[in-house]
Amino acid sequence: MDRGDLQQLSKEQLIELVLRLQRPEKTSRTSSKPPSTDKKEKRENSRPGGAKLGHEPHNRRLADDPDEFRDHVPGVCEQCGGTFPSDAQRELIGEYDEIEIPPVKPYVIRHHRFACRCAHCGVETKAPAPAVATTTPFGPRIHALAIYLKGFQALSYERLGGLFRDAFGLSVSEGALMNMFIRSHPRFEIEAEKAKAIVRAAQVVASDETGVRIEGTNSYHWVFHCKDAVVHQPDYSRAARVVDEMMDGHVPAVWISDRYAAQQKHGERHQTCLAHLARDTAFALEHGSDDLPFRFICGTARVARISFGDFPQVGRCGHMSGLFARSLTAGHDEIRDASRLIKLACFRAH
């Protein structure tokens, strides 16, 4: 937008544009943004990394069962140059471990399948084909490693294939990796169904959802959590249908979530997620111009006192997250009504 475009705007449009530019930036403390997006501020009295002066050194403990021993014995006397005999008396003065990973390369088993012709009747009989002839050539350890690196280390298909190539000298295409994960589905589904059964029987269930990319499309990562199980459910939709399919008719005594419409009316009673309220309150308290956020904190403190008695964090803005965490099950109706006020405070802060 250049000067000519600005001159064509009305007064109201200009005011709205200026207000939008002046809106405070949200951080991980005041919104659902991840901490990695926060701007890092230089800490006071910060020092370079590494060991500090006077730091007591911590050396690695020697291995209990080394694979190889190498003795280092002096050959000549450093004073007179005399030669030490092979059976000279020795004194152990030091032990040190050298650690290395041995070369890793694929272990390949070549299967030969033969056919034999009967000398009596002349009929040819073929040996049964090994399982590898009709399935994947990759063994269970390769499957397990691929699943671990993809699921726990979050490697992309491209980087995962590169790791197998560079670290193990094994060429694995992205299609082969995808097939490995597909073959693992049945075993994971068994445990997933167990977790779903636990959640569907729980009396208190918490849920949240966040945006993710699935196969190049905007989708959602749903989480359903109770005391004994957690279910992660990817879906292309953010509608209440996902909750209905997950709960399969079960209505818990308490449903914990934010104020998103699709998260409502799934339990006998609803507990607004206090972590969301804490972020909204922190944002309104830092950038707002009225005392509504502070009055909300005091009201929440009163609810917490009624349920848990006095504790040091109550009523102190600096310990707001601790306060909300301690009052997680307190005052469902009061917290639910107060959440509307917090949203109003955030609107005023804008």
Protein backbone atom coordinates (compact mmCIF):
# COMPACT_ATOMS: atom_id res chain seq x y z
CA MET A 1 0.00 0.00 0.00
CA ASP A 2 1.48 3.34 -1.10
CA ARG A 3 0.61 6.99 -0.37
CA GLY A 4 -2.02 7.10 -3.12
CA ASP A 5 -3.87 4.13 -1.65
CA LEU A 6 -3.82 5.70 1.83
CA GLN A 7 -5.23 8.99 0.50
CA GLN A 8 -8.23 7.12 -0.89
CA LEU A 9 -9.13 5.62 2.51
CA SER A 10 -11.85 7.16 4.64
CA LYS A 11 -11.20 8.55 8.11
CA GLU A 12 -12.71 5.47 9.75
CA GLN A 13 -10.60 3.14 7.62
CA LEU A 14 -7.44 5.07 8.53
CA ILE A 15 -8.30 4.89 12.23
CA GLU A 16 -8.89 1.13 11.99
CA LEU A 17 -5.58 0.68 10.14
CA VAL A 18 -3.64 2.63 12.78
CA LEU A 19 -5.29 0.72 15.63
CA ARG A 20 -4.50 -2.57 13.94
CA LEU A 21 -0.83 -1.61 13.62
CA GLN A 22 -0.73 -0.57 17.30
CA ARG A 23 -2.12 -3.86 18.62
CA PRO A 24 0.40 -5.46 20.97
CA GLU A 25 2.28 -8.48 19.75
CA LYS A 26 1.26 -11.78 21.33
CA THR A 27 3.82 -14.17 22.82
CA SER A 28 3.80 -17.72 24.16
CA ARG A 29 2.83 -16.31 27.58
CA THR A 30 -0.25 -14.52 26.29
CA SER A 31 -1.42 -16.80 23.45
CA SER A 32 -1.09 -20.28 21.99
CA LYS A 33 2.03 -19.34 20.03
CA PRO A 34 4.97 -21.71 20.70
CA PRO A 35 7.91 -20.40 22.76
CA SER A 36 10.20 -20.80 19.73
CA THR A 37 8.48 -17.77 18.13
CA ASP A 38 9.28 -15.44 21.03
CA LYS A 39 11.99 -12.84 20.61
CA LYS A 40 14.85 -13.68 22.93
CA GLU A 41 15.87 -10.79 25.17
CA LYS A 42 19.41 -10.48 26.51
CA ARG A 43 19.50 -11.44 30.16
CA GLU A 44 21.18 -9.20 32.68
CA ASN A 45 24.65 -10.34 33.77
CA SER A 46 24.59 -13.00 31.08
CA ARG A 47 27.84 -14.86 30.50
CA PRO A 48 29.15 -16.96 27.61
CA GLY A 49 28.37 -20.66 27.64
CA GLY A 50 30.70 -23.38 28.80
CA ALA A 51 32.28 -24.14 32.15
CA LYS A 52 32.67 -21.16 34.46
CA LEU A 53 35.72 -20.29 36.55
CA GLY A 54 35.86 -22.49 39.62
CA HIS A 55 33.47 -25.06 38.17
CA GLU A 56 34.15 -28.54 39.51
CA PRO A 57 34.87 -30.86 36.56
CA HIS A 58 32.70 -33.91 35.96
CA ASN A 59 34.48 -36.72 34.11
CA ARG A 60 32.76 -39.63 32.38
CA ARG A 61 32.68 -42.79 34.46
CA LEU A 62 34.72 -45.68 33.08
CA ALA A 63 32.74 -48.42 31.34
CA ASP A 64 31.99 -51.55 33.36
CA ASP A 65 32.74 -54.01 30.55
CA PRO A 66 35.13 -52.62 27.92
CA ASP A 67 35.36 -54.58 24.68
CA GLU A 68 39.13 -54.29 24.28
CA PHE A 69 42.18 -53.56 26.42
CA ARG A 70 45.37 -51.84 25.21
CA ASP A 71 48.38 -51.57 27.52
CA HIS A 72 50.84 -48.73 27.20
CA VAL A 73 54.23 -49.63 28.73
CA PRO A 74 57.39 -47.51 28.54
CA GLY A 75 60.15 -49.06 26.44
CA VAL A 76 63.20 -47.20 27.75
CA CYS A 77 64.11 -45.33 30.92
CA GLU A 78 63.68 -41.57 30.48
CA GLN A 79 66.65 -40.96 32.81
CA CYS A 80 69.40 -43.25 31.53
CA GLY A 81 67.91 -44.71 28.35
CA GLY A 82 68.07 -48.29 29.61
CA THR A 83 65.69 -50.81 28.03
CA PHE A 84 62.92 -52.36 30.12
CA PRO A 85 62.53 -56.14 29.80
CA SER A 86 59.16 -57.62 28.88
CA ASP A 87 58.68 -58.94 32.41
CA ALA A 88 59.60 -55.67 34.17
CA GLN A 89 57.55 -54.79 37.25
CA ARG A 90 54.61 -52.52 36.38
CA GLU A 91 52.41 -50.10 38.29
CA LEU A 92 49.02 -49.01 36.92
CA ILE A 93 48.94 -45.19 37.01
CA GLY A 94 45.96 -44.38 34.78
CA GLU A 95 42.91 -45.77 32.99
CA TYR A 96 41.12 -44.08 30.12
CA ASP A 97 38.22 -45.09 27.88
CA GLU A 98 38.18 -44.46 24.14
CA ILE A 99 34.65 -44.81 22.81
CA GLU A 100 33.77 -45.44 19.19
CA ILE A 101 30.80 -46.74 17.24
CA PRO A 102 31.81 -49.64 14.98
CA PRO A 103 31.06 -49.35 11.26
CA VAL A 104 27.38 -50.01 10.61
CA LYS A 105 26.26 -51.51 7.33
CA PRO A 106 23.20 -53.44 6.19
CA TYR A 107 23.20 -57.18 6.89
CA VAL A 108 21.93 -58.80 3.68
CA ILE A 109 20.63 -62.38 3.50
CA ARG A 110 20.38 -63.71 -0.05
CA HIS A 111 17.63 -66.34 -0.40
CA HIS A 112 18.08 -68.95 -3.14
CA ARG A 113 14.97 -70.82 -4.19
CA PHE A 114 15.46 -74.09 -6.02
CA ALA A 115 13.33 -76.57 -7.94
CA CYS A 116 14.04 -80.30 -8.23
CA ARG A 117 12.84 -82.73 -10.91
CA CYS A 118 11.80 -86.14 -9.66
CA ALA A 119 13.89 -88.99 -11.12
CA HIS A 120 10.90 -91.36 -10.91
CA CYS A 121 8.00 -89.40 -12.40
CA GLY A 122 9.78 -86.42 -13.95
CA VAL A 123 7.60 -83.83 -12.17
CA GLU A 124 9.37 -80.62 -11.12
CA THR A 125 8.80 -79.55 -7.50
CA LYS A 126 9.55 -75.98 -6.41
CA ALA A 127 10.65 -75.03 -2.90
CA PRO A 128 8.20 -72.82 -0.98
CA ALA A 129 8.90 -69.17 -1.60
CA PRO A 130 10.38 -67.35 1.43
CA ALA A 131 8.31 -64.59 3.00
CA VAL A 132 10.65 -61.90 1.66
CA ALA A 133 9.66 -62.87 -1.90
CA THR A 134 6.19 -61.44 -1.49
CA THR A 135 6.72 -58.78 1.22
CA THR A 136 9.19 -56.02 2.03
CA PRO A 137 12.94 -56.71 1.93
CA PHE A 138 13.42 -54.59 5.07
CA GLY A 139 13.53 -56.38 8.42
CA PRO A 140 11.80 -55.52 11.71
CA ARG A 141 14.75 -53.55 13.12
CA ILE A 142 14.73 -51.22 10.10
CA HIS A 143 10.97 -50.78 10.55
CA ALA A 144 11.41 -50.00 14.25
CA LEU A 145 14.21 -47.49 13.61
CA ALA A 146 12.22 -45.71 10.88
CA ILE A 147 9.15 -45.45 13.14
CA TYR A 148 11.24 -44.12 16.03
CA LEU A 149 13.03 -41.50 13.93
CA LYS A 150 9.80 -40.38 12.27
CA GLY A 151 7.54 -40.45 15.33
CA PHE A 152 9.88 -39.35 18.13
CA GLN A 153 12.57 -37.35 16.33
CA ALA A 154 10.15 -35.81 13.79
CA LEU A 155 12.37 -36.34 10.75
CA SER A 156 10.84 -35.62 7.36
CA TYR A 157 10.74 -38.34 4.73
CA GLU A 158 13.58 -36.68 2.85
CA ARG A 159 15.82 -36.36 5.93
CA LEU A 160 14.93 -39.87 7.09
CA GLY A 161 15.94 -41.33 3.76
CA GLY A 162 19.16 -39.29 3.88
CA LEU A 163 19.99 -40.60 7.35
CA PHE A 164 19.63 -44.23 6.24
CA ARG A 165 21.85 -43.49 3.25
CA ASP A 166 24.56 -41.52 5.08
CA ALA A 167 24.68 -43.42 8.37
CA PHE A 168 24.03 -46.99 7.21
CA GLY A 169 24.76 -47.00 3.49
CA LEU A 170 21.18 -48.16 2.85
CA SER A 171 19.05 -46.71 0.08
CA VAL A 172 15.39 -46.41 1.14
CA SER A 173 12.92 -44.50 -1.00
CA GLU A 174 10.20 -42.31 0.46
CA GLY A 175 7.62 -44.75 -0.88
CA ALA A 176 9.31 -47.61 0.98
CA LEU A 177 9.27 -45.55 4.19
CA MET A 178 5.58 -44.83 3.74
CA ASN A 179 4.88 -48.55 3.28
CA MET A 180 6.79 -49.31 6.50
CA PHE A 181 4.50 -46.99 8.43
CA ILE A 182 1.39 -48.42 6.77
CA ARG A 183 2.45 -51.96 7.71
CA SER A 184 2.85 -50.85 11.34
CA HIS A 185 -0.74 -49.54 11.58
CA PRO A 186 -2.41 -52.75 12.81
CA ARG A 187 -0.17 -53.03 15.89
CA PHE A 188 -0.57 -49.35 16.76
CA GLU A 189 -4.33 -49.58 16.28
CA ILE A 190 -4.53 -52.23 19.02
CA GLU A 191 -2.98 -49.85 21.57
CA ALA A 192 -4.95 -46.89 20.20
CA GLU A 193 -8.23 -48.73 20.74
CA LYS A 194 -7.19 -49.52 24.31
CA ALA A 195 -6.51 -45.81 24.96
CA LYS A 196 -9.84 -44.82 23.39
CA ALA A 197 -11.69 -47.31 25.59
CA ILE A 198 -10.11 -45.78 28.69
CA VAL A 199 -11.04 -42.23 27.63
CA ARG A 200 -14.60 -43.32 26.78
CA ALA A 201 -15.01 -44.62 30.34
CA ALA A 202 -13.42 -41.65 32.13
CA GLN A 203 -15.44 -39.24 34.26
CA VAL A 204 -13.16 -36.25 33.57
CA VAL A 205 -11.89 -35.64 30.02
CA ALA A 206 -9.81 -32.71 28.73
CA SER A 207 -9.60 -31.85 25.04
CA ASP A 208 -7.90 -29.35 22.75
CA GLU A 209 -7.12 -28.99 19.07
CA THR A 210 -4.52 -27.15 17.02
CA GLY A 211 -3.84 -26.62 13.35
CA VAL A 212 -1.41 -28.89 11.47
CA ARG A 213 -0.56 -29.67 7.87
CA ILE A 214 -1.59 -33.12 6.63
CA GLU A 215 -0.68 -34.11 3.08
CA GLY A 216 -0.39 -30.45 2.08
CA THR A 217 -3.77 -29.39 3.48
CA ASN A 218 -4.76 -27.39 6.56
CA SER A 219 -5.95 -29.92 9.14
CA TYR A 220 -6.22 -30.35 12.90
CA HIS A 221 -4.51 -32.32 15.63
CA TRP A 222 -7.05 -33.23 18.34
CA VAL A 223 -6.02 -34.41 21.80
CA PHE A 224 -8.28 -36.19 24.30
CA HIS A 225 -6.83 -36.73 27.76
CA CYS A 226 -7.93 -38.34 30.99
CA LYS A 227 -6.08 -39.54 34.08
CA ASP A 228 -4.94 -42.83 32.55
CA ALA A 229 -4.75 -42.31 28.78
CA VAL A 230 -4.11 -39.79 25.99
CA VAL A 231 -5.53 -40.09 22.46
CA HIS A 232 -4.08 -38.08 19.55
CA GLN A 233 -6.54 -37.85 16.68
CA PRO A 234 -5.64 -36.14 13.37
CA ASP A 235 -8.57 -34.98 11.28
CA TYR A 236 -9.28 -32.65 8.40
CA SER A 237 -12.16 -31.07 10.35
CA ARG A 238 -12.41 -28.87 13.44
CA ALA A 239 -16.11 -29.58 13.88
CA ALA A 240 -17.83 -31.21 16.86
CA ARG A 241 -18.18 -34.36 14.75
CA VAL A 242 -14.61 -35.31 15.69
CA VAL A 243 -15.51 -35.25 19.39
CA ASP A 244 -18.74 -37.18 18.82
CA GLU A 245 -16.92 -39.93 16.91
CA MET A 246 -14.17 -40.10 19.51
CA MET A 247 -16.45 -40.31 22.56
CA ASP A 248 -18.90 -42.70 20.84
CA GLY A 249 -21.86 -41.64 22.96
CA HIS A 250 -20.02 -41.44 26.32
CA VAL A 251 -20.79 -38.29 28.34
CA PRO A 252 -18.20 -37.66 31.09
CA ALA A 253 -19.09 -35.88 34.31
CA VAL A 254 -16.71 -33.00 33.48
CA TRP A 255 -15.45 -31.83 30.09
CA ILE A 256 -12.39 -29.53 30.14
CA SER A 257 -11.66 -27.35 27.11
CA ASP A 258 -11.45 -23.79 25.86
CA ARG A 259 -14.53 -21.79 24.83
CA TYR A 260 -14.47 -22.94 21.18
CA ALA A 261 -18.04 -23.81 20.12
CA ALA A 262 -17.22 -27.33 18.91
CA GLN A 263 -15.84 -28.15 22.38
CA GLN A 264 -19.06 -27.33 24.21
CA LYS A 265 -21.85 -29.59 25.56
CA HIS A 266 -19.87 -32.82 25.60
CA GLY A 267 -20.00 -33.38 29.37
CA GLU A 268 -22.56 -33.08 32.15
CA ARG A 269 -20.61 -30.05 33.36
CA HIS A 270 -18.02 -27.93 31.60
CA GLN A 271 -14.72 -26.67 33.02
CA THR A 272 -13.11 -23.90 31.00
CA CYS A 273 -9.41 -24.63 30.47
CA LEU A 274 -7.56 -22.46 32.97
CA ALA A 275 -4.37 -22.45 30.90
CA HIS A 276 -6.25 -20.61 28.13
CA LEU A 277 -7.73 -18.19 30.66
CA ALA A 278 -4.30 -17.60 32.19
CA ARG A 279 -2.89 -16.61 28.79
CA ASP A 280 -5.83 -14.32 28.04
CA THR A 281 -5.55 -12.75 31.47
CA ALA A 282 -1.80 -12.20 31.12
CA PHE A 283 -2.32 -10.49 27.76
CA ALA A 284 -5.10 -8.25 29.09
CA LEU A 285 -3.13 -7.46 32.24
CA GLU A 286 -0.01 -6.44 30.31
CA HIS A 287 -1.70 -4.44 27.55
CA GLY A 288 -5.13 -3.45 28.90
CA SER A 289 -6.12 -0.14 30.46
CA ASP A 290 -8.66 -1.25 33.09
CA ASP A 291 -8.63 -3.41 36.21
CA LEU A 292 -10.89 -6.18 34.92
CA PRO A 293 -8.05 -8.75 34.54
CA PHE A 294 -6.86 -8.09 38.11
CA ARG A 295 -10.42 -8.39 39.45
CA PHE A 296 -10.76 -11.68 37.60
CA ILE A 297 -7.56 -12.97 39.24
CA CYS A 298 -8.89 -11.96 42.66
CA GLY A 299 -12.19 -13.70 41.93
CA THR A 300 -10.41 -16.85 40.87
CA ALA A 301 -8.29 -16.63 44.02
CA ARG A 302 -11.46 -16.54 46.10
CA VAL A 303 -12.73 -19.70 44.37
CA ALA A 304 -9.38 -21.39 45.03
CA ARG A 305 -9.46 -20.41 48.71
CA ILE A 306 -12.90 -21.91 49.11
CA SER A 307 -11.79 -25.19 47.54
CA PHE A 308 -8.21 -25.54 48.76
CA GLY A 309 -7.73 -23.09 51.63
CA ASP A 310 -5.06 -20.39 51.73
CA PHE A 311 -1.78 -20.86 49.91
CA PRO A 312 0.94 -18.29 49.12
CA GLN A 313 0.24 -17.98 45.41
CA VAL A 314 -3.36 -16.79 45.79
CA GLY A 315 -3.99 -13.25 44.66
CA ARG A 316 -0.51 -12.63 43.25
CA CYS A 317 -0.39 -11.77 39.57
CA GLY A 318 3.11 -13.19 39.17
CA HIS A 319 1.85 -16.63 40.18
CA MET A 320 -1.25 -16.63 38.01
CA SER A 321 -0.45 -19.87 36.20
CA GLY A 322 0.15 -21.66 39.50
CA LEU A 323 -3.12 -20.31 40.81
CA PHE A 324 -5.08 -21.61 37.83
CA ALA A 325 -3.35 -24.97 37.97
CA ARG A 326 -4.26 -25.40 41.64
CA SER A 327 -7.87 -24.37 41.07
CA LEU A 328 -8.34 -26.71 38.10
CA THR A 329 -11.42 -28.43 39.51
CA ALA A 330 -12.80 -25.53 41.50
CA GLY A 331 -15.85 -23.43 40.73
CA HIS A 332 -16.86 -24.69 37.28
CA ASP A 333 -19.75 -22.24 36.96
CA GLU A 334 -17.80 -19.28 38.29
CA ILE A 335 -14.84 -19.88 35.98
CA ARG A 336 -17.15 -20.45 33.02
CA ASP A 337 -18.92 -17.12 33.57
CA ALA A 338 -15.65 -15.30 34.24
CA SER A 339 -14.18 -16.51 30.94
CA ARG A 340 -16.63 -14.27 29.10
CA LEU A 341 -15.32 -11.31 31.08
CA ILE A 342 -11.74 -12.20 30.23
CA LYS A 343 -12.57 -12.25 26.51
CA LEU A 344 -14.10 -8.78 26.96
CA ALA A 345 -10.92 -7.59 28.68
CA CYS A 346 -8.80 -8.89 25.81
CA PHE A 347 -11.07 -7.06 23.37
CA ARG A 348 -10.60 -3.85 25.35
CA ALA A 349 -6.83 -4.36 25.36
CA HIS A 350 -6.91 -4.33 21.56
